[in-house]
Amino acid sequence: MTGKQRTALVTGGSRGIGFGIAKALMMQLDMKVMICGQSRETTERGVAQLRALAPGGEVDGAVCNVRSDQAVRELVARTVERFGSIDVLVNSAGVGHFGHVAEMTPEVWREVIETNLSGVFYCCHEVVPVMRAGGGGYIINIGSLAGVNTFAGGVAYNASKFGLNGFSEALMQDVRYEDIRVSYVLPGSVYTDFGGGRRAGKQDWALEVDDVARVVVDLLGHHPRSLPSRVEIRPSKPPRKK
C-alpha cells in the first residue's frame, strides 16, 4: 500500500468515533476518505467539517444504512468509482439500545445485531474482493469493552460486540495470507453522544474520540510483519465503584 495516496472507507464517519478517525486519517496520514452516515443531513455536515479541517484533502460522503447489504454494495461501488480503490476499511457504524430482555422488542434487538454485527459482515464481504484486486489492505473493526464485559440491560449490545470479536478473529485468519490485515479495537467509555445524549454532562475521566483515532493511526503504522489483532483502550482513572 505504499507509493500512492491510500483510500479509506469509514462507516459511521459522519460523527462520533468514526468522524474522529476519518479526521485523523486525512490530517495525519493524508488519506482520501469516504464516510457514510444514516441521514443526508449528518453526512453532508460531516463532509463539510472534514473539508474545513483539512483544506485540499479529498473526502466524500454517502448515505448508507449498513443494515442493508444492497446499500453497502452501492457504498463500496461508489467509493471505488470516486477514489479508485479501498485500502483501509474502518467499521465504526454502531447503535446502542439498552434494556431488560423481557421489555426489549424484537425490532430493537434486530436493529442492534444487524447494525453492529451484520453491517460489519456486509462491509467486509464487499471490500475484501476490492482489497484482493488492489494487492492488500487493512480492516479495522471498532468494537467495545462491552464485548468482554457484560452488564445488566446489555443483552443486545453485549451480544453484538461479543459476536464482533469472534467475527474479527475469524476474518483475520481468513485473509491474513492475502496481505489483508485485520484488527479490532475495544474502547471503554468514550465521551460522545452515543447511546442517547451523554454529552449533556461531560465526563472528564472518559476517553476522547481522538484517543481511539490515535490507536487506529498507530495500527496503520505498524510494520507488515507485526499484527496487533486486538487492542483494548480504557479510561485510566474511571470512577471508583462504591
C-alpha atoms as a PDB file:
ATOM      1  CA  MET A   1       0.000   0.000   0.000  1.00  0.00           C
ATOM      2  CA  THR A   2       2.976   2.270  -0.398  1.00  0.00           C
ATOM      3  CA  GLY A   3       3.762   4.604  -3.274  1.00  0.00           C
ATOM      4  CA  LYS A   4       0.259   6.002  -3.678  1.00  0.00           C
ATOM      5  CA  GLN A   5      -2.235   8.003  -1.700  1.00  0.00           C
ATOM      6  CA  ARG A   6      -4.360   5.483   0.135  1.00  0.00           C
ATOM      7  CA  THR A   7      -8.140   5.487   0.332  1.00  0.00           C
ATOM      8  CA  ALA A   8     -10.130   4.743   3.487  1.00  0.00           C
ATOM      9  CA  LEU A   9     -13.809   3.938   3.832  1.00  0.00           C
ATOM     10  CA  VAL A  10     -15.095   4.813   7.310  1.00  0.00           C
ATOM     11  CA  THR A  11     -18.618   3.730   8.187  1.00  0.00           C
ATOM     12  CA  GLY A  12     -20.338   5.879  10.764  1.00  0.00           C
ATOM     13  CA  GLY A  13     -17.837   8.555   9.802  1.00  0.00           C
ATOM     14  CA  SER A  14     -20.234  11.484   9.930  1.00  0.00           C
ATOM     15  CA  ARG A  15     -19.944  11.896  13.704  1.00  0.00           C
ATOM     16  CA  GLY A  16     -18.534  10.491  16.936  1.00  0.00           C
ATOM     17  CA  ILE A  17     -15.684   7.999  16.880  1.00  0.00           C
ATOM     18  CA  GLY A  18     -15.994   7.453  13.134  1.00  0.00           C
ATOM     19  CA  PHE A  19     -15.665  11.175  12.430  1.00  0.00           C
ATOM     20  CA  GLY A  20     -12.595  11.395  14.673  1.00  0.00           C
ATOM     21  CA  ILE A  21     -10.992   8.504  12.816  1.00  0.00           C
ATOM     22  CA  ALA A  22     -11.788   9.974   9.402  1.00  0.00           C
ATOM     23  CA  LYS A  23     -10.289  13.299  10.506  1.00  0.00           C
ATOM     24  CA  ALA A  24      -7.096  11.618  11.715  1.00  0.00           C
ATOM     25  CA  LEU A  25      -6.712   9.588   8.520  1.00  0.00           C
ATOM     26  CA  MET A  26      -6.995  12.749   6.425  1.00  0.00           C
ATOM     27  CA  MET A  27      -4.919  15.086   8.564  1.00  0.00           C
ATOM     28  CA  GLN A  28      -2.231  12.722   9.849  1.00  0.00           C
ATOM     29  CA  LEU A  29      -1.938  10.127   7.064  1.00  0.00           C
ATOM     30  CA  ASP A  30      -3.046  12.202   4.050  1.00  0.00           C
ATOM     31  CA  MET A  31      -5.629   9.630   3.009  1.00  0.00           C
ATOM     32  CA  LYS A  32      -8.554  10.043   0.696  1.00  0.00           C
ATOM     33  CA  VAL A  33     -11.644   9.293   2.775  1.00  0.00           C
ATOM     34  CA  MET A  34     -15.201   8.204   2.103  1.00  0.00           C
ATOM     35  CA  ILE A  35     -17.565   8.456   5.053  1.00  0.00           C
ATOM     36  CA  CYS A  36     -21.140   7.349   5.434  1.00  0.00           C
ATOM     37  CA  GLY A  37     -23.971   8.245   7.753  1.00  0.00           C
ATOM     38  CA  GLN A  38     -27.624   7.336   8.123  1.00  0.00           C
ATOM     39  CA  SER A  39     -29.037  10.703   7.050  1.00  0.00           C
ATOM     40  CA  ARG A  40     -28.183  13.158   4.321  1.00  0.00           C
ATOM     41  CA  GLU A  41     -28.004  15.998   6.833  1.00  0.00           C
ATOM     42  CA  THR A  42     -25.426  14.378   9.117  1.00  0.00           C
ATOM     43  CA  THR A  43     -23.406  13.017   6.197  1.00  0.00           C
ATOM     44  CA  GLU A  44     -23.202  16.361   4.396  1.00  0.00           C
ATOM     45  CA  ARG A  45     -22.330  18.115   7.645  1.00  0.00           C
ATOM     46  CA  GLY A  46     -19.574  15.597   8.337  1.00  0.00           C
ATOM     47  CA  VAL A  47     -18.076  16.053   4.865  1.00  0.00           C
ATOM     48  CA  ALA A  48     -18.211  19.850   5.201  1.00  0.00           C
ATOM     49  CA  GLN A  49     -16.488  19.713   8.587  1.00  0.00           C
ATOM     50  CA  LEU A  50     -13.746  17.441   7.280  1.00  0.00           C
ATOM     51  CA  ARG A  51     -13.141  19.698   4.290  1.00  0.00           C
ATOM     52  CA  ALA A  52     -12.849  22.691   6.602  1.00  0.00           C
ATOM     53  CA  LEU A  53     -10.381  20.872   8.852  1.00  0.00           C
ATOM     54  CA  ALA A  54      -8.262  19.525   6.004  1.00  0.00           C
ATOM     55  CA  PRO A  55      -8.380  22.023   3.106  1.00  0.00           C
ATOM     56  CA  GLY A  56      -7.221  20.343  -0.058  1.00  0.00           C
ATOM     57  CA  GLY A  57      -7.936  16.879   1.305  1.00  0.00           C
ATOM     58  CA  GLU A  58     -10.082  14.502  -0.678  1.00  0.00           C
ATOM     59  CA  VAL A  59     -13.260  13.453   1.107  1.00  0.00           C
ATOM     60  CA  ASP A  60     -16.712  12.382   0.029  1.00  0.00           C
ATOM     61  CA  GLY A  61     -19.766  11.012   1.770  1.00  0.00           C
ATOM     62  CA  ALA A  62     -22.801   8.865   1.132  1.00  0.00           C
ATOM     63  CA  VAL A  63     -25.953   7.981   2.999  1.00  0.00           C
ATOM     64  CA  CYS A  64     -25.840   4.301   3.913  1.00  0.00           C
ATOM     65  CA  ASN A  65     -27.690   2.153   6.409  1.00  0.00           C
ATOM     66  CA  VAL A  66     -25.231  -0.704   6.910  1.00  0.00           C
ATOM     67  CA  ARG A  67     -28.124  -2.981   7.875  1.00  0.00           C
ATOM     68  CA  SER A  68     -28.846  -3.202   4.138  1.00  0.00           C
ATOM     69  CA  ASP A  69     -26.481  -5.360   2.090  1.00  0.00           C
ATOM     70  CA  GLN A  70     -27.654  -3.579  -1.058  1.00  0.00           C
ATOM     71  CA  ALA A  71     -26.882  -0.161   0.432  1.00  0.00           C
ATOM     72  CA  VAL A  72     -23.413  -1.368   1.436  1.00  0.00           C
ATOM     73  CA  ARG A  73     -22.824  -2.745  -2.056  1.00  0.00           C
ATOM     74  CA  GLU A  74     -23.677   0.658  -3.514  1.00  0.00           C
ATOM     75  CA  LEU A  75     -21.463   2.443  -0.975  1.00  0.00           C
ATOM     76  CA  VAL A  76     -18.443   0.307  -1.850  1.00  0.00           C
ATOM     77  CA  ALA A  77     -19.052   0.725  -5.577  1.00  0.00           C
ATOM     78  CA  ARG A  78     -19.328   4.490  -5.155  1.00  0.00           C
ATOM     79  CA  THR A  79     -16.095   4.613  -3.169  1.00  0.00           C
ATOM     80  CA  VAL A  80     -14.193   2.652  -5.811  1.00  0.00           C
ATOM     81  CA  GLU A  81     -15.674   4.784  -8.589  1.00  0.00           C
ATOM     82  CA  ARG A  82     -14.790   8.002  -6.752  1.00  0.00           C
ATOM     83  CA  PHE A  83     -11.309   7.135  -5.495  1.00  0.00           C
ATOM     84  CA  GLY A  84     -10.225   4.049  -7.468  1.00  0.00           C
ATOM     85  CA  SER A  85      -9.587   1.692  -4.548  1.00  0.00           C
ATOM     86  CA  ILE A  86     -10.219   0.908  -0.906  1.00  0.00           C
ATOM     87  CA  ASP A  87      -7.027   0.343   1.056  1.00  0.00           C
ATOM     88  CA  VAL A  88      -8.434   0.754   4.549  1.00  0.00           C
ATOM     89  CA  LEU A  89     -11.880  -0.127   5.878  1.00  0.00           C
ATOM     90  CA  VAL A  90     -12.878   1.126   9.316  1.00  0.00           C
ATOM     91  CA  ASN A  91     -16.162  -0.324  10.539  1.00  0.00           C
ATOM     92  CA  SER A  92     -17.309   2.253  13.067  1.00  0.00           C
ATOM     93  CA  ALA A  93     -21.069   2.421  12.456  1.00  0.00           C
ATOM     94  CA  GLY A  94     -22.976   1.276  15.505  1.00  0.00           C
ATOM     95  CA  VAL A  95     -26.075   1.710  17.634  1.00  0.00           C
ATOM     96  CA  GLY A  96     -26.711   1.169  21.310  1.00  0.00           C
ATOM     97  CA  HIS A  97     -30.101   0.310  22.734  1.00  0.00           C
ATOM     98  CA  PHE A  98     -30.254  -0.970  26.268  1.00  0.00           C
ATOM     99  CA  GLY A  99     -32.911  -2.576  28.406  1.00  0.00           C
ATOM    100  CA  HIS A 100     -34.191  -5.674  30.153  1.00  0.00           C
ATOM    101  CA  VAL A 101     -34.597  -8.700  27.907  1.00  0.00           C
ATOM    102  CA  ALA A 102     -38.306  -9.012  28.762  1.00  0.00           C
ATOM    103  CA  GLU A 103     -39.015  -5.428  27.717  1.00  0.00           C
ATOM    104  CA  MET A 104     -36.769  -5.238  24.635  1.00  0.00           C
ATOM    105  CA  THR A 105     -38.751  -5.569  21.422  1.00  0.00           C
ATOM    106  CA  PRO A 106     -37.615  -7.910  18.622  1.00  0.00           C
ATOM    107  CA  GLU A 107     -37.324  -4.830  16.396  1.00  0.00           C
ATOM    108  CA  VAL A 108     -34.785  -3.218  18.733  1.00  0.00           C
ATOM    109  CA  TRP A 109     -32.862  -6.490  19.035  1.00  0.00           C
ATOM    110  CA  ARG A 110     -32.629  -6.777  15.261  1.00  0.00           C
ATOM    111  CA  GLU A 111     -31.544  -3.162  14.852  1.00  0.00           C
ATOM    112  CA  VAL A 112     -28.609  -3.619  17.244  1.00  0.00           C
ATOM    113  CA  ILE A 113     -27.476  -7.000  15.912  1.00  0.00           C
ATOM    114  CA  GLU A 114     -27.941  -6.085  12.256  1.00  0.00           C
ATOM    115  CA  THR A 115     -26.103  -2.776  12.611  1.00  0.00           C
ATOM    116  CA  ASN A 116     -23.252  -3.741  14.923  1.00  0.00           C
ATOM    117  CA  LEU A 117     -22.593  -7.229  13.549  1.00  0.00           C
ATOM    118  CA  SER A 118     -24.319  -7.943  10.239  1.00  0.00           C
ATOM    119  CA  GLY A 119     -23.364  -4.500   8.939  1.00  0.00           C
ATOM    120  CA  VAL A 120     -19.700  -5.276   9.544  1.00  0.00           C
ATOM    121  CA  PHE A 121     -20.082  -8.553   7.663  1.00  0.00           C
ATOM    122  CA  TYR A 122     -21.717  -6.803   4.694  1.00  0.00           C
ATOM    123  CA  CYS A 123     -18.908  -4.241   4.519  1.00  0.00           C
ATOM    124  CA  CYS A 124     -16.144  -6.826   4.760  1.00  0.00           C
ATOM    125  CA  HIS A 125     -17.913  -9.102   2.270  1.00  0.00           C
ATOM    126  CA  GLU A 126     -17.892  -6.326  -0.329  1.00  0.00           C
ATOM    127  CA  VAL A 127     -14.497  -4.793   0.462  1.00  0.00           C
ATOM    128  CA  VAL A 128     -12.314  -7.914   0.689  1.00  0.00           C
ATOM    129  CA  PRO A 129     -12.519  -8.580  -3.088  1.00  0.00           C
ATOM    130  CA  VAL A 130     -11.607  -4.942  -3.741  1.00  0.00           C
ATOM    131  CA  MET A 131      -8.575  -5.267  -1.462  1.00  0.00           C
ATOM    132  CA  ARG A 132      -7.568  -8.535  -3.105  1.00  0.00           C
ATOM    133  CA  ALA A 133      -7.618  -6.838  -6.501  1.00  0.00           C
ATOM    134  CA  GLY A 134      -5.548  -3.976  -5.099  1.00  0.00           C
ATOM    135  CA  GLY A 135      -2.880  -6.191  -3.565  1.00  0.00           C
ATOM    136  CA  GLY A 136      -3.961  -5.985   0.080  1.00  0.00           C
ATOM    137  CA  GLY A 137      -5.393  -3.695   2.698  1.00  0.00           C
ATOM    138  CA  TYR A 138      -6.296  -3.207   6.327  1.00  0.00           C
ATOM    139  CA  ILE A 139      -9.648  -3.740   8.036  1.00  0.00           C
ATOM    140  CA  ILE A 140     -10.190  -2.226  11.481  1.00  0.00           C
ATOM    141  CA  ASN A 141     -13.387  -3.012  13.362  1.00  0.00           C
ATOM    142  CA  ILE A 142     -14.391  -0.715  16.209  1.00  0.00           C
ATOM    143  CA  GLY A 143     -15.812  -2.879  18.965  1.00  0.00           C
ATOM    144  CA  SER A 144     -16.231  -2.160  22.653  1.00  0.00           C
ATOM    145  CA  LEU A 145     -15.190  -3.405  26.061  1.00  0.00           C
ATOM    146  CA  ALA A 146     -18.849  -4.476  26.167  1.00  0.00           C
ATOM    147  CA  GLY A 147     -17.542  -7.315  24.019  1.00  0.00           C
ATOM    148  CA  VAL A 148     -15.674  -8.722  27.023  1.00  0.00           C
ATOM    149  CA  ASN A 149     -17.649  -7.320  29.982  1.00  0.00           C
ATOM    150  CA  THR A 150     -21.375  -7.923  30.314  1.00  0.00           C
ATOM    151  CA  PHE A 151     -23.776  -5.664  32.183  1.00  0.00           C
ATOM    152  CA  ALA A 152     -27.460  -5.663  33.081  1.00  0.00           C
ATOM    153  CA  GLY A 153     -29.510  -4.214  30.239  1.00  0.00           C
ATOM    154  CA  GLY A 154     -26.855  -5.052  27.674  1.00  0.00           C
ATOM    155  CA  VAL A 155     -28.341  -8.198  26.174  1.00  0.00           C
ATOM    156  CA  ALA A 156     -28.407  -6.891  22.581  1.00  0.00           C
ATOM    157  CA  TYR A 157     -25.356  -4.654  22.758  1.00  0.00           C
ATOM    158  CA  ASN A 158     -23.204  -7.235  24.566  1.00  0.00           C
ATOM    159  CA  ALA A 159     -24.275  -9.936  22.116  1.00  0.00           C
ATOM    160  CA  SER A 160     -23.404  -7.761  19.117  1.00  0.00           C
ATOM    161  CA  LYS A 161     -19.975  -6.842  20.475  1.00  0.00           C
ATOM    162  CA  PHE A 162     -19.072 -10.345  21.663  1.00  0.00           C
ATOM    163  CA  GLY A 163     -20.053 -11.526  18.181  1.00  0.00           C
ATOM    164  CA  LEU A 164     -17.918  -8.841  16.569  1.00  0.00           C
ATOM    165  CA  ASN A 165     -14.874 -10.113  18.464  1.00  0.00           C
ATOM    166  CA  GLY A 166     -15.366 -13.627  17.122  1.00  0.00           C
ATOM    167  CA  PHE A 167     -16.049 -12.358  13.622  1.00  0.00           C
ATOM    168  CA  SER A 168     -12.900 -10.230  13.638  1.00  0.00           C
ATOM    169  CA  GLU A 169     -10.693 -13.074  14.861  1.00  0.00           C
ATOM    170  CA  ALA A 170     -12.021 -15.467  12.224  1.00  0.00           C
ATOM    171  CA  LEU A 171     -11.807 -12.842   9.462  1.00  0.00           C
ATOM    172  CA  MET A 172      -8.185 -12.186  10.388  1.00  0.00           C
ATOM    173  CA  GLN A 173      -7.404 -15.861   9.838  1.00  0.00           C
ATOM    174  CA  ASP A 174      -9.384 -15.968   6.593  1.00  0.00           C
ATOM    175  CA  VAL A 175      -7.431 -13.179   4.899  1.00  0.00           C
ATOM    176  CA  ARG A 176      -4.037 -12.908   6.611  1.00  0.00           C
ATOM    177  CA  TYR A 177      -2.219 -14.646   3.742  1.00  0.00           C
ATOM    178  CA  GLU A 178      -3.813 -12.354   1.163  1.00  0.00           C
ATOM    179  CA  ASP A 179      -1.982  -9.301   2.567  1.00  0.00           C
ATOM    180  CA  ILE A 180      -5.183  -8.115   4.188  1.00  0.00           C
ATOM    181  CA  ARG A 181      -4.694  -7.287   7.846  1.00  0.00           C
ATOM    182  CA  VAL A 182      -7.469  -7.251  10.419  1.00  0.00           C
ATOM    183  CA  SER A 183      -7.523  -5.617  13.836  1.00  0.00           C
ATOM    184  CA  TYR A 184     -10.307  -4.786  16.224  1.00  0.00           C
ATOM    185  CA  VAL A 185     -10.295  -2.023  18.790  1.00  0.00           C
ATOM    186  CA  LEU A 186     -12.220  -2.263  22.059  1.00  0.00           C
ATOM    187  CA  PRO A 187     -12.714   1.182  23.642  1.00  0.00           C
ATOM    188  CA  GLY A 188     -14.182   1.676  27.089  1.00  0.00           C
ATOM    189  CA  SER A 189     -16.308   4.718  27.883  1.00  0.00           C
ATOM    190  CA  VAL A 190     -15.823   7.386  25.208  1.00  0.00           C
ATOM    191  CA  TYR A 191     -17.186  10.924  25.539  1.00  0.00           C
ATOM    192  CA  THR A 192     -19.669  11.082  22.631  1.00  0.00           C
ATOM    193  CA  ASP A 193     -23.419  11.353  22.144  1.00  0.00           C
ATOM    194  CA  PHE A 194     -23.614   7.594  21.533  1.00  0.00           C
ATOM    195  CA  GLY A 195     -26.462   5.830  23.313  1.00  0.00           C
ATOM    196  CA  GLY A 196     -28.552   8.927  23.905  1.00  0.00           C
ATOM    197  CA  GLY A 197     -27.104  12.308  24.615  1.00  0.00           C
ATOM    198  CA  ARG A 198     -24.374  11.528  27.118  1.00  0.00           C
ATOM    199  CA  ARG A 199     -22.586  14.723  26.069  1.00  0.00           C
ATOM    200  CA  ALA A 200     -25.026  16.662  28.216  1.00  0.00           C
ATOM    201  CA  GLY A 201     -22.737  16.173  31.197  1.00  0.00           C
ATOM    202  CA  LYS A 202     -19.031  15.904  30.391  1.00  0.00           C
ATOM    203  CA  GLN A 203     -17.181  13.037  31.974  1.00  0.00           C
ATOM    204  CA  ASP A 204     -13.630  14.255  32.475  1.00  0.00           C
ATOM    205  CA  TRP A 205     -12.449  10.735  33.170  1.00  0.00           C
ATOM    206  CA  ALA A 206     -13.791   9.275  29.908  1.00  0.00           C
ATOM    207  CA  LEU A 207     -11.804   8.660  26.756  1.00  0.00           C
ATOM    208  CA  GLU A 208     -11.997  11.210  23.954  1.00  0.00           C
ATOM    209  CA  VAL A 209     -12.692  10.379  20.321  1.00  0.00           C
ATOM    210  CA  ASP A 210      -9.117  11.370  19.444  1.00  0.00           C
ATOM    211  CA  ASP A 211      -7.783   8.663  21.786  1.00  0.00           C
ATOM    212  CA  VAL A 212      -9.476   5.994  19.688  1.00  0.00           C
ATOM    213  CA  ALA A 213      -8.413   7.644  16.435  1.00  0.00           C
ATOM    214  CA  ARG A 214      -4.812   7.598  17.616  1.00  0.00           C
ATOM    215  CA  VAL A 215      -4.990   3.825  18.085  1.00  0.00           C
ATOM    216  CA  VAL A 216      -6.221   3.436  14.503  1.00  0.00           C
ATOM    217  CA  VAL A 217      -3.409   5.627  13.160  1.00  0.00           C
ATOM    218  CA  ASP A 218      -0.855   3.658  15.173  1.00  0.00           C
ATOM    219  CA  LEU A 219      -2.189   0.338  13.853  1.00  0.00           C
ATOM    220  CA  LEU A 220      -1.791   1.520  10.278  1.00  0.00           C
ATOM    221  CA  GLY A 221       1.817   2.465  11.027  1.00  0.00           C
ATOM    222  CA  HIS A 222       2.890  -0.999  12.130  1.00  0.00           C
ATOM    223  CA  HIS A 223       5.393  -2.913  10.030  1.00  0.00           C
ATOM    224  CA  PRO A 224       3.671  -5.607   7.927  1.00  0.00           C
ATOM    225  CA  ARG A 225       5.374  -8.331   9.969  1.00  0.00           C
ATOM    226  CA  SER A 226       3.516  -7.135  13.085  1.00  0.00           C
ATOM    227  CA  LEU A 227      -0.228  -7.503  13.599  1.00  0.00           C
ATOM    228  CA  PRO A 228      -1.776  -6.215  16.838  1.00  0.00           C
ATOM    229  CA  SER A 229      -5.031  -8.060  16.198  1.00  0.00           C
ATOM    230  CA  ARG A 230      -6.856  -6.836  19.305  1.00  0.00           C
ATOM    231  CA  VAL A 231      -6.381  -3.553  21.151  1.00  0.00           C
ATOM    232  CA  GLU A 232      -8.192  -2.626  24.362  1.00  0.00           C
ATOM    233  CA  ILE A 233      -8.267   1.025  25.387  1.00  0.00           C
ATOM    234  CA  ARG A 234      -9.919   2.197  28.580  1.00  0.00           C
ATOM    235  CA  PRO A 235     -10.082   5.285  30.782  1.00  0.00           C
ATOM    236  CA  SER A 236      -7.063   5.274  33.061  1.00  0.00           C
ATOM    237  CA  LYS A 237      -8.984   6.555  36.099  1.00  0.00           C
ATOM    238  CA  PRO A 238     -12.710   5.792  35.941  1.00  0.00           C
ATOM    239  CA  PRO A 239     -14.863   6.488  38.974  1.00  0.00           C
ATOM    240  CA  ARG A 240     -14.247   4.002  41.759  1.00  0.00           C
ATOM    241  CA  LYS A 241     -17.074   1.625  42.483  1.00  0.00           C
ATOM    242  CA  LYS A 242     -18.714   2.314  45.803  1.00  0.00           C
END
